[in-house]
Amino acid sequence: MNPVSSKPVSAKVLDAAIAWQLSMDCANPVEREEFAKWHAANEEHARAWRQLGMLDQRFSVASGPARTALLQSREGIRRRVRKLGNGMASVVAVIGLALFAGPRYLPIDYWLADQRTAVGEQRTLRLADGTLVSLNTHSALDVRFDEKQRRLVLQEGEILVETGHGDPRPFIVQTREGSMRALGTRFLVKREDEGTRLSVLQSAVAVHPESNPDEQILREGQQVLIRSNGLGPVLAVNLGADAWTRGMLVVDNTRLEDLVHEIGRYRTGYVGVAPEVADLRITGSFPLRDTDLALNALLPTLPVQIEQHTQWWVKVVAKADAKP
């Protein structure tokens, strides 16, 4: 395989490429022109498109009407991945996905999880012990309860946990970087590029990094980034850290690039920021159920404008009359 083709792509770009693939069979000339612009806008877009083509070749996806029917919805992709999970095909699938996705994005963990939310979707579950778990956008969770413990495995995304009472079994949330043992509490767990972020909203949580024997207790109002070999500095919980459960994003003196990246988690496709405005600072509240409205809310406050090419490609750039 070409080294450039096998280089990992981000989850956001891969999602956009999948969305384009699902729509191209019945695309009109205008949509095909918009796809060409998206494809040419960034080398990573072209790489993701090539990798999707290689995946189709590995899995021998049918051509013609059968392929069109399969690609009519994301549910078709779910069925394909689950079907490939049987017998020797599961080995082929895991190897094939890992080759093109790399450590930044492994779709099989998401698609095969017990509970999932799509991009922009949020959902609350009540578990058998009375615990409430809210899943944020594009999150994946496995529930592993047995007679000895209550364990959740967060594969992707973010959850808010409100533990049930009266059950003597330890309650543990597990990620690749470590485990978190609830001490009668309410807390957030979020998978990030650098590790797992734990934010304690009530009571306390005992944290145990994967490859570190030490355990540390985090108290109410504290957050920490968990890496497999240790913990980052303990900081105060961000203002409005759980506001997403009420459909809002709250930021305080945040870089514009960081804000737009967060908004981008709630919509499919590319959402970017021009370098010349990336470091602008902003404070405010933004609606997550209407990301177009959230992005347009930047305009009265900052010297920026929204550049958009179809619903799949949006970029925040410097306002025309503000450019040097």
Protein backbone atom coordinates (compact mmCIF):
# COMPACT_ATOMS: atom_id res chain seq x y z
CA MET A 1 0.00 0.00 0.00
CA ASN A 2 1.19 3.51 -0.75
CA PRO A 3 2.53 5.11 2.52
CA VAL A 4 0.54 8.27 1.82
CA SER A 5 -2.67 6.27 1.34
CA SER A 6 -2.18 4.38 4.61
CA LYS A 7 -1.60 7.52 6.68
CA PRO A 8 -4.43 7.93 9.27
CA VAL A 9 -7.28 10.33 8.60
CA SER A 10 -9.36 12.11 11.22
CA ALA A 11 -12.79 10.81 12.24
CA LYS A 12 -14.43 14.00 10.99
CA VAL A 13 -12.93 13.74 7.49
CA LEU A 14 -13.69 10.03 7.27
CA ASP A 15 -17.33 10.71 8.25
CA ALA A 16 -17.55 13.33 5.50
CA ALA A 17 -16.08 10.91 2.95
CA ILE A 18 -18.61 8.25 3.96
CA ALA A 19 -21.42 10.78 3.62
CA TRP A 20 -20.24 11.71 0.12
CA GLN A 21 -19.98 8.03 -0.83
CA LEU A 22 -23.54 7.42 0.31
CA SER A 23 -24.85 10.24 -1.88
CA MET A 24 -22.71 10.03 -5.03
CA ASP A 25 -24.69 7.31 -6.83
CA CYS A 26 -27.68 9.63 -7.17
CA ALA A 27 -25.87 13.00 -7.09
CA ASN A 28 -26.89 15.69 -9.57
CA PRO A 29 -24.29 17.77 -11.50
CA VAL A 30 -24.24 20.55 -8.88
CA GLU A 31 -23.64 18.07 -6.07
CA ARG A 32 -20.86 16.39 -8.06
CA GLU A 33 -19.22 19.77 -8.57
CA GLU A 34 -19.44 20.45 -4.82
CA PHE A 35 -17.90 17.03 -4.16
CA ALA A 36 -15.03 17.89 -6.51
CA LYS A 37 -14.40 21.09 -4.52
CA TRP A 38 -14.43 19.16 -1.23
CA HIS A 39 -12.11 16.48 -2.67
CA ALA A 40 -9.62 19.11 -3.91
CA ALA A 41 -9.76 21.33 -0.81
CA ASN A 42 -7.42 19.20 1.31
CA GLU A 43 -5.03 16.30 0.72
CA GLU A 44 -6.62 14.47 3.67
CA HIS A 45 -10.02 14.55 1.89
CA ALA A 46 -8.52 12.86 -1.18
CA ARG A 47 -6.71 10.32 1.02
CA ALA A 48 -9.91 9.42 2.88
CA TRP A 49 -11.74 8.94 -0.42
CA ARG A 50 -8.99 6.62 -1.73
CA GLN A 51 -9.06 4.62 1.51
CA LEU A 52 -12.81 4.12 1.27
CA GLY A 53 -12.27 2.76 -2.22
CA MET A 54 -9.64 0.35 -0.93
CA LEU A 55 -12.00 -0.81 1.81
CA ASP A 56 -14.69 -1.58 -0.78
CA GLN A 57 -12.16 -3.64 -2.76
CA ARG A 58 -11.10 -5.63 0.33
CA PHE A 59 -14.67 -6.46 1.26
CA SER A 60 -15.78 -7.08 -2.35
CA VAL A 61 -18.78 -4.77 -2.04
CA ALA A 62 -21.34 -5.58 -4.72
CA SER A 63 -21.68 -3.32 -7.72
CA GLY A 64 -24.76 -1.97 -9.46
CA PRO A 65 -28.22 -2.06 -7.82
CA ALA A 66 -27.06 -4.22 -4.89
CA ARG A 67 -24.36 -1.74 -3.95
CA THR A 68 -26.76 1.19 -4.30
CA ALA A 69 -29.23 -0.48 -1.94
CA LEU A 70 -26.49 -1.19 0.58
CA LEU A 71 -25.26 2.39 0.58
CA GLN A 72 -28.67 4.03 0.97
CA SER A 73 -28.09 4.59 4.69
CA ARG A 74 -25.53 4.26 7.46
CA GLU A 75 -27.51 1.28 8.72
CA GLY A 76 -26.19 -0.55 5.67
CA ILE A 77 -22.65 0.08 6.89
CA ARG A 78 -23.63 -1.21 10.34
CA ARG A 79 -24.96 -4.43 8.80
CA ARG A 80 -21.86 -4.88 6.69
CA VAL A 81 -19.50 -4.49 9.67
CA ARG A 82 -21.55 -6.84 11.86
CA LYS A 83 -21.74 -9.46 9.11
CA LEU A 84 -17.99 -9.30 8.72
CA GLY A 85 -17.67 -9.92 12.46
CA ASN A 86 -18.34 -13.68 12.02
CA GLY A 87 -15.56 -16.25 11.82
CA MET A 88 -12.41 -15.58 9.83
CA ALA A 89 -14.01 -12.53 8.18
CA SER A 90 -13.69 -10.68 11.51
CA VAL A 91 -9.91 -11.00 11.33
CA VAL A 92 -9.89 -9.63 7.77
CA ALA A 93 -12.17 -6.77 8.80
CA VAL A 94 -10.10 -5.75 11.82
CA ILE A 95 -6.85 -5.83 9.84
CA GLY A 96 -8.37 -3.98 6.89
CA LEU A 97 -9.92 -1.25 9.05
CA ALA A 98 -6.77 -0.82 11.12
CA LEU A 99 -4.61 -0.46 8.00
CA PHE A 100 -6.49 2.56 6.72
CA ALA A 101 -7.81 4.06 9.95
CA GLY A 102 -4.86 3.87 12.32
CA PRO A 103 -5.08 4.75 16.03
CA ARG A 104 -7.08 7.97 15.50
CA TYR A 105 -10.18 6.24 14.18
CA LEU A 106 -11.16 2.57 14.47
CA PRO A 107 -14.78 2.27 13.26
CA ILE A 108 -15.23 -1.33 14.41
CA ASP A 109 -15.07 -0.26 18.08
CA TYR A 110 -17.85 2.22 17.44
CA TRP A 111 -20.09 0.06 15.26
CA LEU A 112 -19.93 -3.04 17.45
CA ALA A 113 -20.53 -1.26 20.77
CA ASP A 114 -23.61 -2.11 22.87
CA GLN A 115 -24.86 1.48 22.79
CA ARG A 116 -24.11 4.17 20.19
CA THR A 117 -25.16 7.67 19.24
CA ALA A 118 -24.81 9.16 15.78
CA VAL A 119 -23.20 12.52 15.03
CA GLY A 120 -25.42 15.18 16.61
CA GLU A 121 -27.45 12.64 18.61
CA GLN A 122 -27.68 12.51 22.41
CA ARG A 123 -29.42 9.84 24.46
CA THR A 124 -29.91 8.89 28.14
CA LEU A 125 -29.99 5.27 29.35
CA ARG A 126 -31.18 3.86 32.67
CA LEU A 127 -29.11 0.78 33.53
CA ALA A 128 -30.26 -2.26 35.52
CA ASP A 129 -28.87 -0.84 38.80
CA GLY A 130 -30.67 2.51 38.36
CA THR A 131 -27.60 4.35 37.04
CA LEU A 132 -28.31 7.07 34.46
CA VAL A 133 -25.84 7.38 31.57
CA SER A 134 -26.13 10.20 29.04
CA LEU A 135 -24.27 9.66 25.75
CA ASN A 136 -23.06 12.71 23.87
CA THR A 137 -22.66 13.03 20.10
CA HIS A 138 -20.94 10.13 18.26
CA SER A 139 -20.34 8.08 21.41
CA ALA A 140 -20.01 4.32 21.85
CA LEU A 141 -20.36 2.37 25.08
CA ASP A 142 -20.20 -1.28 26.17
CA VAL A 143 -22.06 -2.35 29.34
CA ARG A 144 -20.34 -5.15 31.29
CA PHE A 145 -22.27 -5.94 34.48
CA ASP A 146 -21.69 -9.22 36.36
CA GLU A 147 -22.01 -10.52 39.91
CA LYS A 148 -18.73 -8.88 40.99
CA GLN A 149 -18.76 -5.45 39.40
CA ARG A 150 -20.57 -2.90 37.24
CA ARG A 151 -18.29 -1.88 34.37
CA LEU A 152 -18.79 0.50 31.44
CA VAL A 153 -16.26 0.57 28.59
CA LEU A 154 -16.25 3.91 26.77
CA GLN A 155 -15.00 3.25 23.24
CA GLU A 156 -15.63 6.69 21.75
CA GLY A 157 -17.09 10.07 22.65
CA GLU A 158 -18.36 11.31 26.00
CA ILE A 159 -20.73 10.22 28.77
CA LEU A 160 -22.27 11.72 31.90
CA VAL A 161 -22.74 9.15 34.67
CA GLU A 162 -25.10 9.46 37.66
CA THR A 163 -24.54 6.27 39.63
CA GLY A 164 -27.41 4.30 41.15
CA HIS A 165 -27.56 3.75 44.91
CA GLY A 166 -27.88 0.64 47.04
CA ASP A 167 -25.75 -1.71 44.90
CA PRO A 168 -22.60 -2.93 46.72
CA ARG A 169 -20.73 -3.87 43.52
CA PRO A 170 -18.00 -1.39 42.50
CA PHE A 171 -18.93 0.88 39.59
CA ILE A 172 -16.09 1.32 37.08
CA VAL A 173 -15.72 3.21 33.80
CA GLN A 174 -12.92 1.87 31.60
CA THR A 175 -11.13 3.43 28.63
CA ARG A 176 -7.88 2.57 26.84
CA GLU A 177 -6.00 4.90 29.18
CA GLY A 178 -7.26 3.59 32.52
CA SER A 179 -10.16 3.05 34.88
CA MET A 180 -12.32 5.31 37.06
CA ARG A 181 -14.07 3.93 40.16
CA ALA A 182 -17.11 5.91 41.28
CA LEU A 183 -17.42 6.77 44.95
CA GLY A 184 -21.17 7.58 44.91
CA THR A 185 -21.01 10.33 42.36
CA ARG A 186 -21.90 12.26 39.19
CA PHE A 187 -19.10 12.67 36.65
CA LEU A 188 -18.12 13.13 32.98
CA VAL A 189 -15.77 10.93 30.97
CA LYS A 190 -14.60 12.10 27.54
CA ARG A 191 -12.28 10.44 25.04
CA GLU A 192 -9.85 12.98 23.57
CA ASP A 193 -6.90 12.73 21.16
CA GLU A 194 -4.44 13.03 24.06
CA GLY A 195 -6.21 10.66 26.48
CA THR A 196 -9.35 10.45 28.63
CA ARG A 197 -10.68 13.50 30.47
CA LEU A 198 -12.47 12.94 33.79
CA SER A 199 -14.52 15.78 35.31
CA VAL A 200 -16.07 15.20 38.75
CA LEU A 201 -19.32 17.11 39.27
CA GLN A 202 -20.37 15.56 42.60
CA SER A 203 -18.67 13.48 45.30
CA ALA A 204 -15.41 11.78 44.17
CA VAL A 205 -13.86 9.30 41.72
CA ALA A 206 -10.77 7.09 42.17
CA VAL A 207 -8.58 7.16 39.04
CA HIS A 208 -6.16 4.39 38.01
CA PRO A 209 -4.04 4.89 34.83
CA GLU A 210 -3.65 1.69 32.78
CA SER A 211 0.12 1.21 33.18
CA ASN A 212 0.62 3.00 36.51
CA PRO A 213 0.07 1.29 39.89
CA ASP A 214 -0.88 4.52 41.64
CA GLU A 215 -4.51 5.50 42.25
CA GLN A 216 -5.61 9.08 42.85
CA ILE A 217 -8.92 10.37 44.17
CA LEU A 218 -10.46 13.35 42.40
CA ARG A 219 -12.93 15.48 44.34
CA GLU A 220 -15.98 17.45 43.29
CA GLY A 221 -15.09 20.36 40.99
CA GLN A 222 -11.83 18.78 39.75
CA GLN A 223 -10.83 17.45 36.33
CA VAL A 224 -7.80 15.58 35.00
CA LEU A 225 -6.48 14.17 31.72
CA ILE A 226 -5.73 10.46 32.07
CA ARG A 227 -2.92 8.94 30.01
CA SER A 228 -1.99 5.26 30.17
CA ASN A 229 1.25 6.06 32.02
CA GLY A 230 -0.06 8.70 34.41
CA LEU A 231 -2.22 11.73 35.11
CA GLY A 232 -1.97 15.30 33.94
CA PRO A 233 -2.32 18.23 36.36
CA VAL A 234 -5.53 18.42 38.39
CA LEU A 235 -7.54 21.48 37.26
CA ALA A 236 -10.88 23.07 38.03
CA VAL A 237 -13.84 21.70 36.06
CA ASN A 238 -14.65 23.87 33.03
CA LEU A 239 -17.60 26.22 33.28
CA GLY A 240 -20.69 24.50 31.92
CA ALA A 241 -18.90 21.17 31.40
CA ASP A 242 -22.23 19.30 31.44
CA ALA A 243 -24.21 21.94 29.49
CA TRP A 244 -24.29 19.59 26.49
CA THR A 245 -26.85 17.47 28.37
CA ARG A 246 -29.17 20.51 28.05
CA GLY A 247 -28.33 21.08 24.38
CA MET A 248 -25.87 23.92 24.92
CA LEU A 249 -22.12 24.53 24.63
CA VAL A 250 -20.75 27.03 27.18
CA VAL A 251 -17.27 28.53 26.76
CA ASP A 252 -15.28 31.14 28.66
CA ASN A 253 -12.42 32.98 26.93
CA THR A 254 -11.91 30.02 24.57
CA ARG A 255 -9.87 30.01 21.35
CA LEU A 256 -12.09 30.22 18.29
CA GLU A 257 -10.45 27.14 16.76
CA ASP A 258 -11.21 25.09 19.89
CA LEU A 259 -14.82 26.29 19.93
CA VAL A 260 -15.39 25.49 16.25
CA HIS A 261 -13.76 22.07 16.68
CA GLU A 262 -16.23 21.33 19.48
CA ILE A 263 -19.21 22.51 17.41
CA GLY A 264 -17.91 20.32 14.59
CA ARG A 265 -18.40 17.22 16.72
CA TYR A 266 -22.16 17.73 16.37
CA ARG A 267 -22.37 17.81 12.57
CA THR A 268 -21.18 15.57 9.74
CA GLY A 269 -18.57 16.89 7.37
CA TYR A 270 -15.66 19.31 7.48
CA VAL A 271 -15.81 22.29 9.85
CA GLY A 272 -12.64 24.37 9.90
CA VAL A 273 -11.11 27.71 10.90
CA ALA A 274 -8.72 29.88 8.92
CA PRO A 275 -5.33 30.25 10.67
CA GLU A 276 -5.55 34.06 10.78
CA VAL A 277 -8.61 33.94 13.09
CA ALA A 278 -7.91 30.69 14.97
CA ASP A 279 -6.54 32.43 18.08
CA LEU A 280 -9.41 34.88 18.56
CA ARG A 281 -11.07 34.48 21.98
CA ILE A 282 -14.77 34.16 22.70
CA THR A 283 -17.13 33.70 25.66
CA GLY A 284 -20.74 32.64 25.36
CA SER A 285 -23.36 29.90 24.99
CA PHE A 286 -24.09 28.12 21.71
CA PRO A 287 -26.95 25.77 20.72
CA LEU A 288 -25.80 22.26 19.82
CA ARG A 289 -29.03 21.10 18.18
CA ASP A 290 -28.63 23.73 15.44
CA THR A 291 -24.96 24.02 14.53
CA ASP A 292 -25.65 26.47 11.70
CA LEU A 293 -27.19 28.81 14.26
CA ALA A 294 -24.24 28.24 16.59
CA LEU A 295 -21.73 29.17 13.88
CA ASN A 296 -23.72 32.22 12.78
CA ALA A 297 -23.79 33.39 16.41
CA LEU A 298 -20.05 34.15 16.00
CA LEU A 299 -20.71 36.90 13.45
CA PRO A 300 -21.96 39.73 15.70
CA THR A 301 -19.06 39.23 18.13
CA LEU A 302 -15.98 38.47 16.03
CA PRO A 303 -14.57 39.86 12.73
CA VAL A 304 -15.35 36.62 10.87
CA GLN A 305 -17.66 35.26 8.22
CA ILE A 306 -18.89 31.77 7.33
CA GLU A 307 -17.71 30.21 4.08
CA GLN A 308 -19.92 27.26 3.14
CA HIS A 309 -19.97 24.81 0.22
CA THR A 310 -22.90 22.43 0.78
CA GLN A 311 -23.85 21.15 4.23
CA TRP A 312 -20.67 19.02 4.31
CA TRP A 313 -18.05 21.80 4.11
CA VAL A 314 -17.98 24.87 6.35
CA LYS A 315 -15.12 27.15 7.30
CA VAL A 316 -14.87 30.21 9.57
CA VAL A 317 -12.68 32.81 7.88
CA ALA A 318 -11.71 36.45 8.41
CA LYS A 319 -14.40 38.95 7.49
CA ALA A 320 -13.78 40.35 4.03
CA ASP A 321 -13.47 44.00 5.13
CA ALA A 322 -11.31 42.97 8.10
CA LYS A 323 -8.60 41.22 6.04
CA PRO A 324 -5.30 43.11 5.76
